[in-house]
Amino acid sequence: LREILQCPILFTYRSLREGGNIQLTNQEYVELIKTVCETHLIDIVDIELMSGNEVVFQLIEIAHQNQVKVIMSNHDFDKTPCFSDMMNRLEQMEILGADICKLAVMPITYKDVITLLNMTLEMSHKLERPIVTMAMGKIGVISRITGELTGSSMTFASAGKISAPGQMNVIDMQVLLEAIHHD
């Protein structure tokens, strides 16, 4: 990939508890991230907030020692936490040393989506680090294309199989984003 692509490469291992397919032990998780960072073939690594402070500190140190930036993430596939809980998670990510703070939640109602968007707008001005937020699922799709309005610094789209509910394919995402920016 490094030879083909001119863009940053993000490495993600998603644990079973946060929507992935396998659950590594803490030791296996640390070894995986260490091995990948030491290749110097990635630019950014995803580290899960809920891995626990000790593991998170260790992984951030490994990444930064290898000049790899950290997206710290948290995924809630069951619900949208309350406004203050979402704020606290993003603040905790920044305190722990994330370069980018990412929160993905599952809305049950449209109000949940609006709560996420409002929280994103507030936190984008409060935190020093860039943030990325999204509401998953069908009713959360709008949050994936309104990031520029609310302060979410990037979005995710699929080049093949989707990796989260409500994720759009990259062609549709590109069309929508171009339509928003077309004068």
N, C-alpha and C. Protein backbone atom coordinates (compact mmCIF):
# COMPACT_ATOMS: atom_id res chain seq x y z
N LEU A 1 0.82 -1.21 0.00
CA LEU A 1 0.00 0.00 0.00
C LEU A 1 0.86 1.26 0.00
N ARG A 2 1.91 1.25 0.78
CA ARG A 2 2.77 2.44 0.87
C ARG A 2 3.32 2.82 -0.49
N GLU A 3 3.65 1.82 -1.33
CA GLU A 3 4.18 2.10 -2.66
C GLU A 3 3.12 2.62 -3.61
N ILE A 4 1.85 2.25 -3.38
CA ILE A 4 0.76 2.62 -4.29
C ILE A 4 0.11 3.94 -3.91
N LEU A 5 -0.07 4.15 -2.61
CA LEU A 5 -0.87 5.29 -2.13
C LEU A 5 -0.02 6.50 -1.78
N GLN A 6 -0.59 7.66 -2.04
CA GLN A 6 0.06 8.91 -1.67
C GLN A 6 -0.63 9.56 -0.47
N CYS A 7 -1.58 8.85 0.13
CA CYS A 7 -2.32 9.40 1.27
C CYS A 7 -1.91 8.67 2.55
N PRO A 8 -2.24 9.26 3.69
CA PRO A 8 -1.91 8.61 4.97
C PRO A 8 -2.61 7.25 5.10
N ILE A 9 -1.93 6.32 5.74
CA ILE A 9 -2.47 4.97 5.95
C ILE A 9 -2.82 4.81 7.43
N LEU A 10 -4.08 4.46 7.69
CA LEU A 10 -4.59 4.23 9.04
C LEU A 10 -4.71 2.74 9.28
N PHE A 11 -4.12 2.27 10.38
CA PHE A 11 -4.24 0.85 10.75
C PHE A 11 -5.24 0.75 11.89
N THR A 12 -6.22 -0.16 11.72
CA THR A 12 -7.24 -0.35 12.74
C THR A 12 -7.41 -1.82 13.05
N TYR A 13 -7.31 -2.15 14.32
CA TYR A 13 -7.79 -3.43 14.84
C TYR A 13 -9.02 -3.08 15.66
N ARG A 14 -10.17 -3.64 15.30
CA ARG A 14 -11.38 -3.36 16.05
C ARG A 14 -11.73 -4.58 16.89
N SER A 15 -11.77 -4.39 18.20
CA SER A 15 -12.05 -5.50 19.12
C SER A 15 -13.50 -5.95 19.00
N LEU A 16 -13.74 -7.14 19.45
CA LEU A 16 -15.09 -7.71 19.45
C LEU A 16 -16.03 -6.83 20.26
N ARG A 17 -15.55 -6.31 21.40
CA ARG A 17 -16.42 -5.50 22.26
C ARG A 17 -16.79 -4.16 21.64
N GLU A 18 -16.06 -3.76 20.59
CA GLU A 18 -16.37 -2.49 19.93
C GLU A 18 -16.78 -2.69 18.48
N GLY A 19 -17.28 -3.88 18.16
CA GLY A 19 -17.86 -4.10 16.83
C GLY A 19 -17.00 -4.89 15.87
N GLY A 20 -15.83 -5.35 16.31
CA GLY A 20 -14.95 -6.12 15.43
C GLY A 20 -15.29 -7.60 15.44
N ASN A 21 -14.40 -8.40 14.89
CA ASN A 21 -14.66 -9.83 14.74
C ASN A 21 -13.91 -10.71 15.72
N ILE A 22 -12.84 -10.19 16.34
CA ILE A 22 -12.08 -11.00 17.29
C ILE A 22 -11.70 -10.14 18.50
N GLN A 23 -11.44 -10.82 19.61
CA GLN A 23 -11.02 -10.13 20.82
C GLN A 23 -9.64 -10.62 21.21
N LEU A 24 -8.63 -9.76 21.07
CA LEU A 24 -7.28 -10.10 21.51
C LEU A 24 -7.15 -9.85 22.99
N THR A 25 -6.21 -10.54 23.63
CA THR A 25 -5.87 -10.20 25.01
C THR A 25 -5.12 -8.87 24.98
N ASN A 26 -4.98 -8.24 26.14
CA ASN A 26 -4.23 -6.98 26.20
C ASN A 26 -2.81 -7.16 25.68
N GLN A 27 -2.18 -8.27 26.05
CA GLN A 27 -0.81 -8.52 25.60
C GLN A 27 -0.76 -8.69 24.07
N GLU A 28 -1.71 -9.42 23.51
CA GLU A 28 -1.74 -9.60 22.05
C GLU A 28 -2.00 -8.27 21.35
N TYR A 29 -2.88 -7.45 21.91
CA TYR A 29 -3.20 -6.14 21.35
C TYR A 29 -1.95 -5.25 21.33
N VAL A 30 -1.24 -5.20 22.44
CA VAL A 30 -0.02 -4.40 22.51
C VAL A 30 1.01 -4.91 21.50
N GLU A 31 1.19 -6.22 21.41
CA GLU A 31 2.15 -6.79 20.45
C GLU A 31 1.78 -6.45 19.01
N LEU A 32 0.48 -6.54 18.69
CA LEU A 32 0.03 -6.22 17.33
C LEU A 32 0.35 -4.77 16.98
N ILE A 33 -0.04 -3.85 17.85
CA ILE A 33 0.18 -2.43 17.58
C ILE A 33 1.68 -2.12 17.51
N LYS A 34 2.46 -2.71 18.41
CA LYS A 34 3.91 -2.50 18.41
C LYS A 34 4.52 -2.98 17.10
N THR A 35 4.16 -4.17 16.67
CA THR A 35 4.69 -4.73 15.43
C THR A 35 4.36 -3.86 14.23
N VAL A 36 3.11 -3.43 14.16
CA VAL A 36 2.67 -2.61 13.02
C VAL A 36 3.36 -1.24 13.03
N CYS A 37 3.43 -0.60 14.20
CA CYS A 37 4.07 0.72 14.28
C CYS A 37 5.55 0.65 13.91
N GLU A 38 6.22 -0.41 14.33
CA GLU A 38 7.66 -0.53 14.07
C GLU A 38 7.98 -0.80 12.60
N THR A 39 6.99 -1.13 11.78
CA THR A 39 7.24 -1.29 10.34
C THR A 39 7.48 0.05 9.67
N HIS A 40 6.97 1.13 10.28
CA HIS A 40 7.03 2.48 9.70
C HIS A 40 6.30 2.54 8.36
N LEU A 41 5.30 1.66 8.17
CA LEU A 41 4.52 1.63 6.94
C LEU A 41 3.11 2.19 7.14
N ILE A 42 2.82 2.67 8.36
CA ILE A 42 1.54 3.31 8.62
C ILE A 42 1.81 4.71 9.16
N ASP A 43 0.78 5.56 9.03
CA ASP A 43 0.91 6.94 9.51
C ASP A 43 0.08 7.19 10.77
N ILE A 44 -1.01 6.45 10.89
CA ILE A 44 -1.96 6.64 11.98
C ILE A 44 -2.41 5.26 12.46
N VAL A 45 -2.60 5.14 13.78
CA VAL A 45 -3.11 3.89 14.33
C VAL A 45 -4.33 4.21 15.20
N ASP A 46 -5.32 3.34 15.14
CA ASP A 46 -6.51 3.47 15.97
C ASP A 46 -6.27 2.73 17.28
N ILE A 47 -6.50 3.41 18.39
CA ILE A 47 -6.39 2.80 19.71
C ILE A 47 -7.72 2.99 20.43
N GLU A 48 -8.26 1.90 20.96
CA GLU A 48 -9.56 1.96 21.60
C GLU A 48 -9.46 2.50 23.03
N LEU A 49 -10.22 3.54 23.32
CA LEU A 49 -10.25 4.16 24.64
C LEU A 49 -10.54 3.15 25.74
N MET A 50 -11.48 2.25 25.50
CA MET A 50 -11.93 1.34 26.54
C MET A 50 -10.97 0.18 26.81
N SER A 51 -9.77 0.23 26.25
CA SER A 51 -8.77 -0.80 26.52
C SER A 51 -8.19 -0.67 27.93
N GLY A 52 -8.47 0.45 28.57
CA GLY A 52 -7.94 0.70 29.92
C GLY A 52 -6.75 1.63 29.85
N ASN A 53 -6.64 2.51 30.83
CA ASN A 53 -5.60 3.55 30.80
C ASN A 53 -4.19 3.00 30.67
N GLU A 54 -3.89 1.92 31.37
CA GLU A 54 -2.53 1.36 31.33
C GLU A 54 -2.17 0.91 29.92
N VAL A 55 -3.06 0.17 29.27
CA VAL A 55 -2.81 -0.30 27.90
C VAL A 55 -2.77 0.89 26.94
N VAL A 56 -3.70 1.82 27.11
CA VAL A 56 -3.75 3.00 26.24
C VAL A 56 -2.46 3.80 26.32
N PHE A 57 -1.98 4.08 27.54
CA PHE A 57 -0.71 4.81 27.69
C PHE A 57 0.43 4.08 26.99
N GLN A 58 0.49 2.77 27.16
CA GLN A 58 1.55 1.96 26.55
C GLN A 58 1.47 2.05 25.02
N LEU A 59 0.27 1.94 24.47
CA LEU A 59 0.11 1.97 23.01
C LEU A 59 0.42 3.35 22.43
N ILE A 60 0.01 4.40 23.13
CA ILE A 60 0.32 5.76 22.65
C ILE A 60 1.82 5.98 22.64
N GLU A 61 2.50 5.53 23.68
CA GLU A 61 3.95 5.69 23.74
C GLU A 61 4.62 4.94 22.59
N ILE A 62 4.19 3.72 22.32
CA ILE A 62 4.74 2.93 21.21
C ILE A 62 4.52 3.65 19.89
N ALA A 63 3.30 4.12 19.66
CA ALA A 63 2.98 4.81 18.40
C ALA A 63 3.84 6.06 18.24
N HIS A 64 3.85 6.90 19.25
CA HIS A 64 4.57 8.17 19.15
C HIS A 64 6.09 7.97 19.03
N GLN A 65 6.63 6.93 19.67
CA GLN A 65 8.06 6.64 19.52
C GLN A 65 8.40 6.27 18.07
N ASN A 66 7.40 5.78 17.34
CA ASN A 66 7.60 5.39 15.95
C ASN A 66 7.03 6.42 14.96
N GLN A 67 6.80 7.64 15.44
CA GLN A 67 6.26 8.73 14.64
C GLN A 67 4.92 8.38 13.98
N VAL A 68 4.11 7.64 14.69
CA VAL A 68 2.77 7.27 14.23
C VAL A 68 1.76 8.06 15.06
N LYS A 69 0.83 8.74 14.40
CA LYS A 69 -0.22 9.48 15.09
C LYS A 69 -1.28 8.51 15.60
N VAL A 70 -2.03 8.96 16.62
CA VAL A 70 -3.03 8.11 17.25
C VAL A 70 -4.43 8.70 17.10
N ILE A 71 -5.33 7.91 16.53
CA ILE A 71 -6.76 8.18 16.62
C ILE A 71 -7.26 7.32 17.77
N MET A 72 -7.71 7.96 18.84
CA MET A 72 -8.29 7.18 19.93
C MET A 72 -9.79 7.12 19.67
N SER A 73 -10.34 5.91 19.78
CA SER A 73 -11.73 5.73 19.40
C SER A 73 -12.56 5.09 20.49
N ASN A 74 -13.86 5.34 20.39
CA ASN A 74 -14.84 4.66 21.24
C ASN A 74 -16.10 4.48 20.41
N HIS A 75 -16.62 3.25 20.42
CA HIS A 75 -17.82 2.91 19.66
C HIS A 75 -18.89 2.37 20.59
N ASP A 76 -20.07 2.91 20.51
CA ASP A 76 -21.21 2.41 21.27
C ASP A 76 -22.25 1.94 20.27
N PHE A 77 -22.37 0.62 20.10
CA PHE A 77 -23.28 0.05 19.11
C PHE A 77 -24.69 -0.13 19.66
N ASP A 78 -24.90 0.19 20.94
CA ASP A 78 -26.21 -0.02 21.55
C ASP A 78 -27.04 1.24 21.66
N LYS A 79 -26.38 2.37 21.85
CA LYS A 79 -27.13 3.60 22.16
C LYS A 79 -26.27 4.83 21.87
N THR A 80 -26.89 5.98 22.09
CA THR A 80 -26.17 7.25 22.11
C THR A 80 -26.08 7.67 23.57
N PRO A 81 -24.87 7.70 24.13
CA PRO A 81 -24.75 8.14 25.52
C PRO A 81 -25.27 9.57 25.68
N CYS A 82 -25.52 9.98 26.91
CA CYS A 82 -25.99 11.35 27.13
C CYS A 82 -24.88 12.34 26.75
N PHE A 83 -25.29 13.58 26.56
CA PHE A 83 -24.41 14.66 26.12
C PHE A 83 -23.13 14.70 26.95
N SER A 84 -23.28 14.71 28.29
CA SER A 84 -22.10 14.84 29.16
C SER A 84 -21.19 13.61 29.08
N ASP A 85 -21.77 12.42 28.94
CA ASP A 85 -20.94 11.21 28.80
C ASP A 85 -20.11 11.28 27.52
N MET A 86 -20.72 11.73 26.43
CA MET A 86 -19.96 11.85 25.17
C MET A 86 -18.85 12.88 25.30
N MET A 87 -19.15 14.00 25.94
CA MET A 87 -18.12 15.02 26.18
C MET A 87 -16.97 14.44 27.01
N ASN A 88 -17.32 13.73 28.07
CA ASN A 88 -16.30 13.16 28.96
C ASN A 88 -15.40 12.17 28.22
N ARG A 89 -15.96 11.37 27.34
CA ARG A 89 -15.16 10.41 26.58
C ARG A 89 -14.16 11.12 25.68
N LEU A 90 -14.61 12.16 24.99
CA LEU A 90 -13.69 12.91 24.12
C LEU A 90 -12.62 13.63 24.94
N GLU A 91 -13.01 14.21 26.07
CA GLU A 91 -12.03 14.88 26.95
C GLU A 91 -11.00 13.88 27.46
N GLN A 92 -11.46 12.70 27.84
CA GLN A 92 -10.55 11.67 28.34
C GLN A 92 -9.54 11.28 27.26
N MET A 93 -10.00 11.18 26.03
CA MET A 93 -9.09 10.84 24.92
C MET A 93 -7.98 11.87 24.79
N GLU A 94 -8.36 13.15 24.85
CA GLU A 94 -7.35 14.21 24.72
C GLU A 94 -6.38 14.16 25.89
N ILE A 95 -6.90 13.97 27.10
CA ILE A 95 -6.04 13.90 28.30
C ILE A 95 -5.06 12.74 28.20
N LEU A 96 -5.50 11.61 27.66
CA LEU A 96 -4.65 10.43 27.55
C LEU A 96 -3.58 10.57 26.46
N GLY A 97 -3.71 11.56 25.58
CA GLY A 97 -2.67 11.81 24.59
C GLY A 97 -3.03 11.52 23.15
N ALA A 98 -4.31 11.36 22.85
CA ALA A 98 -4.72 11.13 21.46
C ALA A 98 -4.36 12.32 20.58
N ASP A 99 -4.01 12.05 19.34
CA ASP A 99 -3.80 13.11 18.35
C ASP A 99 -5.13 13.51 17.71
N ILE A 100 -6.03 12.54 17.58
CA ILE A 100 -7.38 12.73 17.06
C ILE A 100 -8.31 11.92 17.96
N CYS A 101 -9.46 12.50 18.31
CA CYS A 101 -10.42 11.83 19.20
C CYS A 101 -11.66 11.45 18.39
N LYS A 102 -12.03 10.16 18.43
CA LYS A 102 -13.13 9.66 17.59
C LYS A 102 -14.20 8.99 18.45
N LEU A 103 -15.45 9.36 18.21
CA LEU A 103 -16.59 8.78 18.91
C LEU A 103 -17.66 8.41 17.89
N ALA A 104 -18.09 7.15 17.94
CA ALA A 104 -19.17 6.67 17.08
C ALA A 104 -20.25 6.08 17.98
N VAL A 105 -21.49 6.50 17.76
CA VAL A 105 -22.60 6.06 18.61
C VAL A 105 -23.75 5.56 17.76
N MET A 106 -24.66 4.82 18.40
CA MET A 106 -25.84 4.31 17.71
C MET A 106 -27.07 5.10 18.16
N PRO A 107 -27.65 5.89 17.26
CA PRO A 107 -28.85 6.62 17.63
C PRO A 107 -30.08 5.71 17.62
N ILE A 108 -30.97 5.96 18.55
CA ILE A 108 -32.24 5.26 18.59
C ILE A 108 -33.32 6.16 17.97
N THR A 109 -33.15 7.47 18.18
CA THR A 109 -34.10 8.46 17.65
C THR A 109 -33.33 9.55 16.91
N TYR A 110 -34.07 10.36 16.16
CA TYR A 110 -33.43 11.49 15.48
C TYR A 110 -32.87 12.49 16.49
N LYS A 111 -33.50 12.57 17.67
CA LYS A 111 -33.00 13.45 18.72
C LYS A 111 -31.59 13.05 19.13
N ASP A 112 -31.30 11.75 19.14
CA ASP A 112 -29.95 11.28 19.45
C ASP A 112 -28.94 11.84 18.45
N VAL A 113 -29.32 11.88 17.18
CA VAL A 113 -28.42 12.40 16.14
C VAL A 113 -28.16 13.89 16.40
N ILE A 114 -29.21 14.63 16.70
CA ILE A 114 -29.07 16.06 16.97
C ILE A 114 -28.21 16.28 18.22
N THR A 115 -28.38 15.44 19.23
CA THR A 115 -27.56 15.55 20.45
C THR A 115 -26.09 15.36 20.11
N LEU A 116 -25.79 14.35 19.29
CA LEU A 116 -24.40 14.12 18.88
C LEU A 116 -23.86 15.31 18.11
N LEU A 117 -24.63 15.84 17.17
CA LEU A 117 -24.16 16.97 16.36
C LEU A 117 -23.92 18.20 17.24
N ASN A 118 -24.82 18.47 18.18
CA ASN A 118 -24.64 19.61 19.10
C ASN A 118 -23.41 19.43 19.98
N MET A 119 -23.22 18.22 20.49
CA MET A 119 -22.05 17.93 21.32
C MET A 119 -20.77 18.11 20.50
N THR A 120 -20.79 17.65 19.26
CA THR A 120 -19.62 17.78 18.38
C THR A 120 -19.27 19.24 18.17
N LEU A 121 -20.28 20.06 17.91
CA LEU A 121 -20.05 21.48 17.70
C LEU A 121 -19.41 22.11 18.93
N GLU A 122 -19.92 21.78 20.10
CA GLU A 122 -19.36 22.34 21.34
C GLU A 122 -17.94 21.86 21.59
N MET A 123 -17.72 20.56 21.44
CA MET A 123 -16.40 20.00 21.75
C MET A 123 -15.34 20.39 20.72
N SER A 124 -15.75 20.66 19.50
CA SER A 124 -14.77 21.07 18.48
C SER A 124 -14.13 22.41 18.84
N HIS A 125 -14.82 23.20 19.65
CA HIS A 125 -14.27 24.48 20.12
C HIS A 125 -13.58 24.35 21.47
N LYS A 126 -13.93 23.33 22.21
CA LYS A 126 -13.40 23.16 23.56
C LYS A 126 -12.06 22.42 23.59
N LEU A 127 -11.93 21.38 22.76
CA LEU A 127 -10.72 20.57 22.77
C LEU A 127 -9.66 21.15 21.84
N GLU A 128 -8.41 20.86 22.16
CA GLU A 128 -7.31 21.30 21.30
C GLU A 128 -7.11 20.34 20.13
N ARG A 129 -7.39 19.08 20.35
CA ARG A 129 -7.21 18.05 19.33
C ARG A 129 -8.40 18.00 18.38
N PRO A 130 -8.17 17.61 17.13
CA PRO A 130 -9.30 17.42 16.20
C PRO A 130 -10.18 16.28 16.71
N ILE A 131 -11.48 16.39 16.43
CA ILE A 131 -12.39 15.32 16.80
C ILE A 131 -13.10 14.77 15.56
N VAL A 132 -13.52 13.52 15.68
CA VAL A 132 -14.29 12.85 14.63
C VAL A 132 -15.48 12.21 15.34
N THR A 133 -16.68 12.53 14.90
CA THR A 133 -17.86 11.90 15.49
C THR A 133 -18.79 11.44 14.38
N MET A 134 -19.57 10.42 14.73
CA MET A 134 -20.60 9.96 13.78
C MET A 134 -21.66 9.18 14.52
N ALA A 135 -22.88 9.30 14.02
CA ALA A 135 -23.97 8.46 14.47
C ALA A 135 -24.09 7.34 13.43
N MET A 136 -24.12 6.12 13.90
CA MET A 136 -24.17 4.98 13.00
C MET A 136 -25.62 4.67 12.62
N GLY A 137 -25.79 3.69 11.74
CA GLY A 137 -27.11 3.26 11.34
C GLY A 137 -27.74 4.20 10.33
N LYS A 138 -28.91 3.80 9.86
CA LYS A 138 -29.60 4.54 8.81
C LYS A 138 -29.92 5.97 9.21
N ILE A 139 -30.43 6.16 10.44
CA ILE A 139 -30.80 7.53 10.82
C ILE A 139 -29.60 8.40 11.15
N GLY A 140 -28.43 7.79 11.27
CA GLY A 140 -27.23 8.56 11.57
C GLY A 140 -26.44 9.00 10.36
N VAL A 141 -26.87 8.58 9.17
CA VAL A 141 -26.10 8.87 7.94
C VAL A 141 -25.80 10.36 7.80
N ILE A 142 -26.75 11.21 8.15
CA ILE A 142 -26.55 12.65 7.98
C ILE A 142 -25.32 13.13 8.74
N SER A 143 -25.01 12.51 9.87
CA SER A 143 -23.85 12.94 10.66
C SER A 143 -22.54 12.68 9.93
N ARG A 144 -22.56 11.75 8.98
CA ARG A 144 -21.35 11.40 8.24
C ARG A 144 -21.01 12.42 7.16
N ILE A 145 -22.01 13.24 6.80
CA ILE A 145 -21.76 14.22 5.73
C ILE A 145 -21.82 15.67 6.23
N THR A 146 -22.10 15.88 7.51
CA THR A 146 -22.21 17.24 8.04
C THR A 146 -21.03 17.63 8.92
N GLY A 147 -19.98 16.84 8.90
CA GLY A 147 -18.85 17.10 9.78
C GLY A 147 -18.28 18.50 9.68
N GLU A 148 -18.19 19.01 8.49
CA GLU A 148 -17.63 20.35 8.30
C GLU A 148 -18.46 21.42 9.00
N LEU A 149 -19.76 21.18 9.10
CA LEU A 149 -20.65 22.14 9.76
C LEU A 149 -20.54 22.09 11.28
N THR A 150 -20.25 20.91 11.81
CA THR A 150 -20.28 20.74 13.26
C THR A 150 -18.90 20.63 13.90
N GLY A 151 -17.85 20.51 13.10
CA GLY A 151 -16.51 20.44 13.65
C GLY A 151 -15.91 19.05 13.68
N SER A 152 -16.58 18.07 13.08
CA SER A 152 -15.99 16.75 12.96
C SER A 152 -15.00 16.82 11.79
N SER A 153 -13.76 16.41 12.02
CA SER A 153 -12.69 16.71 11.07
C SER A 153 -12.52 15.70 9.93
N MET A 154 -13.22 14.56 10.00
CA MET A 154 -13.15 13.61 8.89
C MET A 154 -14.35 12.70 8.93
N THR A 155 -14.53 11.95 7.86
CA THR A 155 -15.59 10.97 7.81
C THR A 155 -15.03 9.67 7.27
N PHE A 156 -15.81 8.63 7.36
CA PHE A 156 -15.38 7.32 6.88
C PHE A 156 -16.37 6.83 5.83
N ALA A 157 -15.83 6.28 4.76
CA ALA A 157 -16.64 5.67 3.71
C ALA A 157 -15.99 4.35 3.32
N SER A 158 -16.76 3.52 2.67
CA SER A 158 -16.28 2.18 2.33
C SER A 158 -15.86 2.10 0.87
N ALA A 159 -14.75 1.42 0.64
CA ALA A 159 -14.32 1.15 -0.74
C ALA A 159 -14.77 -0.25 -1.15
N GLY A 160 -15.42 -0.94 -0.24
CA GLY A 160 -15.90 -2.30 -0.50
C GLY A 160 -16.94 -2.64 0.54
N LYS A 161 -16.64 -3.63 1.36
CA LYS A 161 -17.55 -4.05 2.42
C LYS A 161 -17.59 -2.98 3.52
N ILE A 162 -18.79 -2.63 3.99
CA ILE A 162 -18.91 -1.62 5.04
C ILE A 162 -18.37 -2.18 6.36
N SER A 163 -17.82 -1.29 7.18
CA SER A 163 -17.28 -1.72 8.47
C SER A 163 -18.11 -1.25 9.65
N ALA A 164 -19.18 -0.48 9.38
CA ALA A 164 -20.07 -0.03 10.45
C ALA A 164 -21.44 0.26 9.86
N PRO A 165 -22.50 0.07 10.64
CA PRO A 165 -23.85 0.32 10.15
C PRO A 165 -24.02 1.78 9.71
N GLY A 166 -24.59 1.98 8.53
CA GLY A 166 -24.82 3.34 8.02
C GLY A 166 -23.66 3.91 7.24
N GLN A 167 -22.57 3.18 7.14
CA GLN A 167 -21.42 3.67 6.38
C GLN A 167 -21.77 3.66 4.90
N MET A 168 -21.44 4.74 4.21
CA MET A 168 -21.72 4.86 2.78
C MET A 168 -20.53 4.39 1.97
N ASN A 169 -20.78 4.07 0.70
CA ASN A 169 -19.64 3.76 -0.15
C ASN A 169 -18.97 5.07 -0.57
N VAL A 170 -17.72 4.97 -0.93
CA VAL A 170 -16.91 6.15 -1.18
C VAL A 170 -17.42 6.98 -2.37
N ILE A 171 -17.99 6.35 -3.37
CA ILE A 171 -18.51 7.08 -4.54
C ILE A 171 -19.69 7.96 -4.13
N ASP A 172 -20.66 7.38 -3.41
CA ASP A 172 -21.82 8.16 -2.95
C ASP A 172 -21.38 9.29 -2.02
N MET A 173 -20.44 9.00 -1.13
CA MET A 173 -19.95 10.02 -0.20
C MET A 173 -19.30 11.17 -0.97
N GLN A 174 -18.51 10.84 -1.96
CA GLN A 174 -17.84 11.86 -2.75
C GLN A 174 -18.86 12.75 -3.47
N VAL A 175 -19.89 12.15 -4.05
CA VAL A 175 -20.94 12.91 -4.74
C VAL A 175 -21.62 13.88 -3.77
N LEU A 176 -21.98 13.38 -2.59
CA LEU A 176 -22.65 14.23 -1.60
C LEU A 176 -21.75 15.36 -1.12
N LEU A 177 -20.50 15.05 -0.82
CA LEU A 177 -19.59 16.09 -0.34
C LEU A 177 -19.32 17.14 -1.42
N GLU A 178 -19.22 16.70 -2.67
CA GLU A 178 -19.03 17.67 -3.75
C GLU A 178 -20.26 18.54 -3.93
N ALA A 179 -21.45 17.97 -3.76
CA ALA A 179 -22.69 18.74 -3.88
C ALA A 179 -22.76 19.81 -2.80
N ILE A 180 -22.31 19.48 -1.60
CA ILE A 180 -22.32 20.46 -0.51
C ILE A 180 -21.36 21.61 -0.79
N HIS A 181 -20.24 21.31 -1.43
CA HIS A 181 -19.22 22.33 -1.68
C HIS A 181 -19.39 23.03 -3.01
N HIS A 182 -20.35 22.61 -3.81
CA HIS A 182 -20.56 23.23 -5.12
C HIS A 182 -21.31 24.55 -4.96
N ASP A 183 -20.75 25.59 -5.55
CA ASP A 183 -21.39 26.93 -5.45
C ASP A 183 -22.27 27.19 -6.64
